N, C-alpha and C. Protein backbone atom coordinates (compact mmCIF):
# COMPACT_ATOMS: atom_id res chain seq x y z
N MET A 1 24.85 75.52 -84.37
CA MET A 1 23.96 75.74 -83.29
C MET A 1 23.52 74.62 -82.38
N ILE A 2 23.16 73.56 -83.36
CA ILE A 2 22.66 72.27 -82.86
C ILE A 2 23.74 71.52 -81.95
N ASN A 3 25.03 71.56 -82.60
CA ASN A 3 26.18 70.85 -81.86
C ASN A 3 26.52 71.57 -80.42
N GLY A 4 26.34 73.02 -80.56
CA GLY A 4 26.50 73.72 -79.38
C GLY A 4 25.45 73.23 -78.23
N TYR A 5 24.33 73.20 -78.63
CA TYR A 5 23.15 72.73 -77.79
C TYR A 5 23.42 71.38 -77.19
N ARG A 6 23.70 70.45 -78.10
CA ARG A 6 24.17 69.06 -77.78
C ARG A 6 25.22 69.15 -76.73
N ASP A 7 26.35 69.82 -77.03
CA ASP A 7 27.59 69.83 -76.29
C ASP A 7 27.18 70.33 -74.79
N ALA A 8 26.20 71.43 -74.78
CA ALA A 8 25.80 71.83 -73.34
C ALA A 8 25.17 71.02 -72.47
N LEU A 9 24.41 70.00 -73.11
CA LEU A 9 23.54 69.10 -72.32
C LEU A 9 24.03 67.61 -72.48
N SER A 10 25.23 67.36 -72.70
CA SER A 10 25.83 66.00 -73.16
C SER A 10 26.26 65.37 -71.69
N GLU A 11 26.03 65.91 -70.70
CA GLU A 11 26.63 65.39 -69.39
C GLU A 11 27.92 64.68 -69.53
N ARG A 12 28.79 65.39 -70.19
CA ARG A 12 30.22 64.91 -70.23
C ARG A 12 30.19 63.44 -71.02
N ARG A 13 29.25 63.14 -71.68
CA ARG A 13 29.29 61.90 -72.57
C ARG A 13 29.83 62.41 -74.00
N PRO A 14 30.70 61.80 -74.46
CA PRO A 14 31.07 62.12 -75.86
C PRO A 14 29.99 62.06 -76.87
N LEU A 15 29.56 62.97 -77.80
CA LEU A 15 28.58 62.68 -78.79
C LEU A 15 29.25 62.82 -80.16
N ALA A 16 28.69 62.12 -81.18
CA ALA A 16 29.17 62.28 -82.55
C ALA A 16 28.68 63.83 -82.89
N VAL A 17 29.57 64.31 -83.89
CA VAL A 17 29.10 65.54 -84.32
C VAL A 17 27.73 65.35 -85.22
N MET A 18 26.89 66.26 -85.10
CA MET A 18 25.64 66.12 -85.93
C MET A 18 25.68 67.13 -87.07
N THR A 19 25.84 66.76 -88.40
CA THR A 19 25.98 67.98 -89.39
C THR A 19 24.51 68.56 -89.33
N ASP A 20 24.57 69.69 -89.86
CA ASP A 20 23.52 70.47 -90.41
C ASP A 20 22.22 69.74 -91.06
N SER A 21 22.92 69.06 -92.12
CA SER A 21 21.90 68.22 -92.75
C SER A 21 21.20 67.24 -91.98
N VAL A 22 21.87 66.38 -91.17
CA VAL A 22 21.29 65.57 -90.47
C VAL A 22 20.35 66.16 -89.53
N ALA A 23 20.56 67.25 -88.81
CA ALA A 23 19.79 67.79 -87.96
C ALA A 23 18.55 68.30 -88.66
N LEU A 24 18.67 68.88 -89.93
CA LEU A 24 17.50 69.33 -90.60
C LEU A 24 16.71 68.10 -90.99
N GLU A 25 17.25 67.16 -91.34
CA GLU A 25 16.40 65.73 -91.62
C GLU A 25 15.70 65.44 -90.51
N MET A 26 16.21 65.43 -89.38
CA MET A 26 15.43 65.06 -88.14
C MET A 26 14.18 65.95 -87.74
N ILE A 27 14.56 67.23 -88.06
CA ILE A 27 13.30 68.18 -87.60
C ILE A 27 12.27 68.11 -88.66
N THR A 28 12.88 67.92 -90.23
CA THR A 28 11.76 67.86 -91.33
C THR A 28 11.00 66.57 -90.99
N LYS A 29 11.49 65.42 -90.72
CA LYS A 29 10.55 64.28 -90.30
C LYS A 29 9.77 64.52 -89.21
N ALA A 30 9.94 65.22 -88.24
CA ALA A 30 9.22 65.37 -86.98
C ALA A 30 8.27 66.28 -87.06
N THR A 31 8.41 67.41 -87.95
CA THR A 31 7.32 68.46 -88.11
C THR A 31 6.01 68.07 -88.52
N GLY A 32 5.12 68.78 -88.01
CA GLY A 32 3.73 68.67 -88.18
C GLY A 32 2.93 69.58 -87.35
N ASP A 33 1.66 69.49 -87.38
CA ASP A 33 0.82 70.47 -86.60
C ASP A 33 1.05 70.49 -85.18
N ARG A 34 1.67 69.45 -84.44
CA ARG A 34 1.71 69.26 -83.16
C ARG A 34 3.25 69.57 -82.56
N ILE A 35 3.92 69.87 -83.68
CA ILE A 35 5.39 70.16 -83.29
C ILE A 35 5.65 71.63 -83.83
N ILE A 36 6.35 72.34 -82.91
CA ILE A 36 6.55 73.74 -83.12
C ILE A 36 8.15 73.93 -83.07
N LEU A 37 8.86 74.53 -84.09
CA LEU A 37 10.09 74.80 -84.20
C LEU A 37 10.19 76.60 -84.52
N LEU A 38 10.84 77.12 -83.49
CA LEU A 38 11.11 78.57 -83.60
C LEU A 38 12.46 78.87 -83.55
N GLY A 39 12.91 79.78 -84.42
CA GLY A 39 14.18 80.43 -84.27
C GLY A 39 14.09 81.84 -84.00
N ALA A 40 15.16 82.43 -83.60
CA ALA A 40 15.38 83.82 -83.15
C ALA A 40 16.57 84.38 -83.91
N GLU A 41 16.55 85.37 -84.56
CA GLU A 41 17.69 86.01 -85.10
C GLU A 41 18.04 87.25 -84.54
N THR A 42 19.43 87.64 -84.64
CA THR A 42 19.92 88.68 -84.14
C THR A 42 20.98 89.06 -85.18
N ASP A 43 20.87 90.47 -85.56
CA ASP A 43 21.87 90.96 -86.66
C ASP A 43 21.71 89.88 -87.91
N GLY A 44 20.71 89.25 -88.27
CA GLY A 44 20.62 88.38 -89.40
C GLY A 44 21.18 87.02 -89.34
N ARG A 45 21.68 86.63 -87.94
CA ARG A 45 22.22 85.34 -87.64
C ARG A 45 21.38 84.64 -86.75
N LEU A 46 21.20 83.35 -86.75
CA LEU A 46 20.43 82.58 -85.83
C LEU A 46 21.03 82.64 -84.50
N ALA A 47 20.22 83.18 -83.47
CA ALA A 47 20.64 83.53 -82.20
C ALA A 47 20.27 82.45 -81.16
N GLY A 48 19.07 81.72 -81.52
CA GLY A 48 18.54 80.65 -80.60
C GLY A 48 17.50 80.07 -81.32
N PHE A 49 16.99 79.03 -80.57
CA PHE A 49 15.93 78.04 -81.09
C PHE A 49 15.13 77.57 -79.94
N ALA A 50 13.83 77.26 -80.20
CA ALA A 50 12.98 76.48 -79.32
C ALA A 50 12.17 75.36 -79.97
N HIS A 51 12.08 74.38 -79.38
CA HIS A 51 11.29 73.13 -79.96
C HIS A 51 10.34 72.78 -78.93
N ALA A 52 9.03 72.69 -79.47
CA ALA A 52 7.97 72.45 -78.51
C ALA A 52 6.92 71.55 -79.21
N PHE A 53 6.22 70.76 -78.25
CA PHE A 53 5.08 69.86 -78.72
C PHE A 53 3.79 70.38 -78.14
N ASP A 54 2.78 70.34 -79.01
CA ASP A 54 1.39 70.47 -78.59
C ASP A 54 0.74 69.03 -78.05
N LEU A 55 0.38 68.89 -76.85
CA LEU A 55 0.26 67.50 -76.28
C LEU A 55 -1.30 67.51 -75.69
N PRO A 56 -1.91 66.32 -75.68
CA PRO A 56 -3.13 66.36 -74.84
C PRO A 56 -2.79 66.54 -73.48
N GLU A 57 -3.76 67.19 -72.57
CA GLU A 57 -3.57 67.33 -71.34
C GLU A 57 -4.65 66.70 -70.39
N ILE A 58 -4.42 65.53 -70.12
CA ILE A 58 -5.51 64.68 -69.53
C ILE A 58 -6.14 65.18 -68.34
N VAL A 59 -5.50 65.81 -67.28
CA VAL A 59 -5.89 66.19 -66.11
C VAL A 59 -7.18 67.29 -66.42
N SER A 60 -6.65 68.33 -67.16
CA SER A 60 -7.56 69.41 -67.47
C SER A 60 -8.67 69.12 -68.75
N GLY A 61 -8.35 67.99 -69.59
CA GLY A 61 -9.20 67.69 -70.69
C GLY A 61 -8.84 68.62 -71.79
N SER A 62 -7.87 69.34 -71.67
CA SER A 62 -7.71 70.20 -72.87
C SER A 62 -6.18 69.84 -73.46
N ARG A 63 -5.44 70.84 -73.87
CA ARG A 63 -4.13 70.62 -74.41
C ARG A 63 -3.01 71.42 -73.62
N ALA A 64 -1.76 71.18 -73.90
CA ALA A 64 -0.55 71.67 -73.10
C ALA A 64 0.59 71.79 -73.97
N GLY A 65 1.34 72.91 -73.94
CA GLY A 65 2.59 72.87 -74.59
C GLY A 65 3.90 72.36 -73.79
N GLN A 66 4.82 71.64 -74.38
CA GLN A 66 5.75 71.01 -73.79
C GLN A 66 7.00 71.62 -74.50
N LEU A 67 7.72 72.68 -73.92
CA LEU A 67 8.83 73.18 -74.48
C LEU A 67 10.00 71.97 -74.21
N ASP A 68 10.50 71.45 -75.20
CA ASP A 68 11.49 70.33 -75.21
C ASP A 68 13.03 70.84 -75.26
N ASP A 69 13.10 71.77 -75.97
CA ASP A 69 14.63 72.30 -76.25
C ASP A 69 14.43 73.73 -76.32
N LEU A 70 15.49 74.36 -75.63
CA LEU A 70 15.50 75.94 -75.78
C LEU A 70 16.98 76.07 -75.73
N PHE A 71 17.60 76.91 -76.70
CA PHE A 71 19.09 77.07 -76.88
C PHE A 71 19.35 78.42 -77.37
N VAL A 72 20.06 79.22 -76.71
CA VAL A 72 20.50 80.43 -77.02
C VAL A 72 22.20 80.48 -77.34
N SER A 73 22.67 80.92 -78.22
CA SER A 73 24.02 80.85 -78.55
C SER A 73 24.72 81.66 -77.56
N PRO A 74 25.93 81.25 -77.05
CA PRO A 74 26.59 81.91 -75.95
C PRO A 74 26.68 83.59 -76.26
N ASP A 75 27.13 84.07 -77.42
CA ASP A 75 27.11 85.35 -77.71
C ASP A 75 25.86 86.28 -77.94
N ALA A 76 24.77 85.42 -77.83
CA ALA A 76 23.48 86.17 -77.69
C ALA A 76 22.81 86.22 -76.39
N ARG A 77 23.41 85.58 -75.46
CA ARG A 77 22.73 85.41 -74.09
C ARG A 77 22.74 86.82 -73.40
N GLY A 78 21.58 86.78 -72.71
CA GLY A 78 21.44 88.04 -71.96
C GLY A 78 20.81 89.13 -72.75
N ALA A 79 20.48 88.95 -74.07
CA ALA A 79 19.71 89.92 -74.84
C ALA A 79 18.31 89.69 -75.07
N GLY A 80 17.67 88.82 -74.29
CA GLY A 80 16.35 88.53 -74.28
C GLY A 80 15.81 87.58 -75.17
N VAL A 81 16.60 86.84 -75.89
CA VAL A 81 16.36 85.90 -76.85
C VAL A 81 15.48 84.68 -76.30
N ALA A 82 15.83 84.09 -75.14
CA ALA A 82 15.11 83.03 -74.57
C ALA A 82 13.68 83.56 -74.24
N ARG A 83 13.65 84.84 -73.59
CA ARG A 83 12.34 85.11 -73.15
C ARG A 83 11.52 85.43 -74.33
N ALA A 84 12.11 85.98 -75.59
CA ALA A 84 11.22 86.17 -76.76
C ALA A 84 10.77 84.97 -77.36
N LEU A 85 11.53 83.90 -77.27
CA LEU A 85 11.22 82.49 -77.74
C LEU A 85 9.81 82.01 -76.84
N ILE A 86 10.24 82.10 -75.54
CA ILE A 86 9.11 81.53 -74.60
C ILE A 86 7.81 82.41 -74.88
N THR A 87 7.99 83.80 -74.82
CA THR A 87 6.98 84.72 -75.12
C THR A 87 6.06 84.16 -76.38
N ARG A 88 6.78 83.93 -77.44
CA ARG A 88 6.22 83.40 -78.69
C ARG A 88 5.48 82.14 -78.56
N LEU A 89 5.96 81.32 -77.75
CA LEU A 89 5.35 79.89 -77.67
C LEU A 89 4.15 80.08 -76.79
N ALA A 90 4.06 81.07 -75.93
CA ALA A 90 3.03 81.39 -74.97
C ALA A 90 1.90 81.88 -75.95
N GLU A 91 2.21 82.80 -76.86
CA GLU A 91 1.05 83.19 -77.71
C GLU A 91 0.61 82.30 -78.49
N ILE A 92 1.44 81.32 -79.10
CA ILE A 92 0.91 80.14 -79.82
C ILE A 92 0.02 79.29 -79.09
N GLY A 93 0.42 79.11 -77.64
CA GLY A 93 -0.37 78.44 -76.89
C GLY A 93 -1.79 78.96 -76.46
N ALA A 94 -1.75 80.21 -76.37
CA ALA A 94 -3.06 80.86 -76.18
C ALA A 94 -3.92 80.67 -77.24
N TYR A 95 -3.46 80.91 -78.55
CA TYR A 95 -4.12 80.78 -79.73
C TYR A 95 -4.71 79.20 -79.72
N ARG A 96 -4.04 78.34 -79.29
CA ARG A 96 -4.17 76.85 -79.51
C ARG A 96 -4.98 76.47 -78.29
N ASP A 97 -5.30 77.31 -77.23
CA ASP A 97 -6.04 77.13 -76.05
C ASP A 97 -5.31 75.90 -75.18
N TRP A 98 -4.03 76.24 -75.12
CA TRP A 98 -3.30 75.37 -74.16
C TRP A 98 -3.65 75.64 -72.72
N ALA A 99 -3.73 74.79 -71.86
CA ALA A 99 -3.90 75.04 -70.39
C ALA A 99 -2.79 75.63 -69.72
N HIS A 100 -1.38 75.26 -70.14
CA HIS A 100 -0.34 75.79 -69.75
C HIS A 100 0.89 75.40 -70.68
N LEU A 101 1.91 76.10 -70.62
CA LEU A 101 3.36 75.71 -71.30
C LEU A 101 4.22 75.29 -70.07
N ARG A 102 4.89 73.92 -70.31
CA ARG A 102 5.66 73.56 -69.28
C ARG A 102 7.03 73.26 -69.94
N TRP A 103 7.97 73.10 -69.00
CA TRP A 103 9.40 72.65 -69.50
C TRP A 103 10.25 72.33 -68.41
N LEU A 104 11.35 71.72 -68.77
CA LEU A 104 12.40 71.20 -67.72
C LEU A 104 13.77 72.24 -67.87
N VAL A 105 14.45 72.13 -67.02
CA VAL A 105 15.66 72.94 -66.93
C VAL A 105 16.60 72.19 -66.20
N PRO A 106 18.03 71.91 -66.89
CA PRO A 106 19.08 71.09 -66.17
C PRO A 106 19.36 71.71 -64.80
N GLN A 107 19.65 70.83 -63.81
CA GLN A 107 19.86 71.50 -62.51
C GLN A 107 21.03 72.40 -62.52
N GLY A 108 21.82 72.95 -62.57
CA GLY A 108 23.05 73.72 -62.50
C GLY A 108 22.67 74.82 -63.59
N ASN A 109 21.82 74.94 -64.11
CA ASN A 109 21.70 76.10 -65.17
C ASN A 109 20.95 77.41 -64.44
N SER A 110 21.74 78.03 -63.63
CA SER A 110 21.31 79.13 -62.84
C SER A 110 20.74 80.26 -63.61
N PRO A 111 21.40 80.84 -64.64
CA PRO A 111 20.93 81.91 -65.56
C PRO A 111 19.42 81.53 -66.08
N ALA A 112 19.44 80.32 -66.51
CA ALA A 112 17.91 79.93 -67.25
C ALA A 112 16.90 79.90 -66.02
N ARG A 113 17.43 79.34 -64.99
CA ARG A 113 16.46 79.15 -63.84
C ARG A 113 16.06 80.69 -63.26
N GLN A 114 16.92 81.64 -63.09
CA GLN A 114 16.50 83.03 -62.76
C GLN A 114 15.54 83.46 -63.80
N LEU A 115 15.63 83.35 -65.11
CA LEU A 115 14.80 83.85 -65.85
C LEU A 115 13.32 83.15 -65.85
N TYR A 116 13.41 81.77 -65.68
CA TYR A 116 12.06 81.04 -65.78
C TYR A 116 11.28 81.33 -64.33
N LEU A 117 12.12 81.71 -63.20
CA LEU A 117 11.41 81.97 -62.01
C LEU A 117 10.66 83.36 -62.04
N ARG A 118 11.26 84.26 -63.02
CA ARG A 118 10.56 85.63 -63.04
C ARG A 118 9.48 85.38 -63.98
N ILE A 119 9.32 84.60 -64.94
CA ILE A 119 8.27 84.74 -66.06
C ILE A 119 7.18 83.33 -65.80
N ALA A 120 7.46 82.40 -64.94
CA ALA A 120 6.53 81.18 -64.61
C ALA A 120 6.65 80.85 -63.35
N GLU A 121 5.86 79.87 -62.83
CA GLU A 121 5.79 79.24 -61.73
C GLU A 121 6.56 77.84 -61.66
N GLN A 122 7.35 77.58 -60.62
CA GLN A 122 7.94 76.25 -60.52
C GLN A 122 6.91 75.22 -60.32
N ALA A 123 6.96 74.23 -61.19
CA ALA A 123 6.05 73.17 -61.23
C ALA A 123 6.18 72.29 -59.89
N PRO A 124 5.22 71.53 -59.58
CA PRO A 124 5.27 70.74 -58.36
C PRO A 124 5.62 69.36 -58.69
N TRP A 125 6.46 69.06 -59.53
CA TRP A 125 6.89 67.71 -59.83
C TRP A 125 8.30 67.36 -60.18
N ASP A 126 8.84 66.35 -59.98
CA ASP A 126 10.21 65.95 -60.27
C ASP A 126 10.32 65.38 -61.67
N SER A 127 11.45 65.29 -62.36
CA SER A 127 11.51 64.70 -63.70
C SER A 127 12.46 63.41 -63.42
N PHE A 128 12.17 62.40 -64.40
CA PHE A 128 12.93 61.19 -64.23
C PHE A 128 13.18 60.69 -65.66
N ARG A 129 14.29 60.08 -65.80
CA ARG A 129 14.68 59.63 -67.09
C ARG A 129 15.24 58.15 -67.03
N MET A 130 14.85 57.40 -68.08
CA MET A 130 15.32 55.99 -68.15
C MET A 130 16.20 55.89 -69.36
N GLU A 131 17.40 55.34 -69.25
CA GLU A 131 18.18 55.19 -70.53
C GLU A 131 17.79 53.96 -71.02
N LEU A 132 17.80 53.94 -72.34
CA LEU A 132 17.29 52.68 -73.15
C LEU A 132 18.43 52.12 -73.83
N PRO A 133 18.47 50.90 -74.20
CA PRO A 133 19.48 50.21 -74.88
C PRO A 133 19.46 50.85 -76.45
N ALA A 134 20.72 50.85 -76.85
CA ALA A 134 20.94 51.52 -78.16
C ALA A 134 20.00 50.68 -79.26
N LYS A 135 20.06 49.51 -79.31
CA LYS A 135 19.14 48.65 -80.19
C LYS A 135 18.28 47.78 -79.63
N PRO A 136 17.00 47.90 -80.02
CA PRO A 136 16.08 46.84 -79.37
C PRO A 136 16.65 45.23 -79.33
N THR A 137 16.35 44.58 -78.35
CA THR A 137 16.68 43.00 -78.53
C THR A 137 15.46 42.33 -78.91
N GLN A 138 14.33 42.99 -79.24
CA GLN A 138 13.30 41.96 -79.60
C GLN A 138 12.62 42.66 -80.72
N THR A 139 11.56 41.96 -81.16
CA THR A 139 10.78 42.56 -82.29
C THR A 139 10.07 43.78 -81.82
N ASN A 140 9.42 44.35 -82.85
CA ASN A 140 8.51 45.59 -82.36
C ASN A 140 7.50 45.17 -81.33
N PRO A 141 7.38 45.73 -80.00
CA PRO A 141 6.51 45.35 -78.98
C PRO A 141 5.01 45.89 -79.15
N ILE A 142 4.86 46.60 -80.22
CA ILE A 142 3.60 47.24 -80.40
C ILE A 142 2.67 46.43 -81.39
């Protein structure tokens, strides 16, 4: 499932295959009370996952949820899996007193955008990304 997600977002850049054990190690190292990882099953099989962060929300002085990754396997799309994962994150966020749940969507992902426009409001900001070198050329700057 992880490789399907990575392939869908690779922007035509070749990616090395990530084994399940490497993905599990990354997730295990990252998990804590501020990181949320949800899975959804259909007929006993993993149908999708969501990965989110619980972050400080400086403007409101509270906290917010940042949905970082959401993926539904192609054979499970259209069955409500994405909506169920987002609904569950919203429930977690309400319990944690988040001001809101926010996320990004790739520009050409029309089916996802259609769902998101039905369940949320489009945010009034643009997203930017800066590619960084593979290896730092200096010592730790912190």
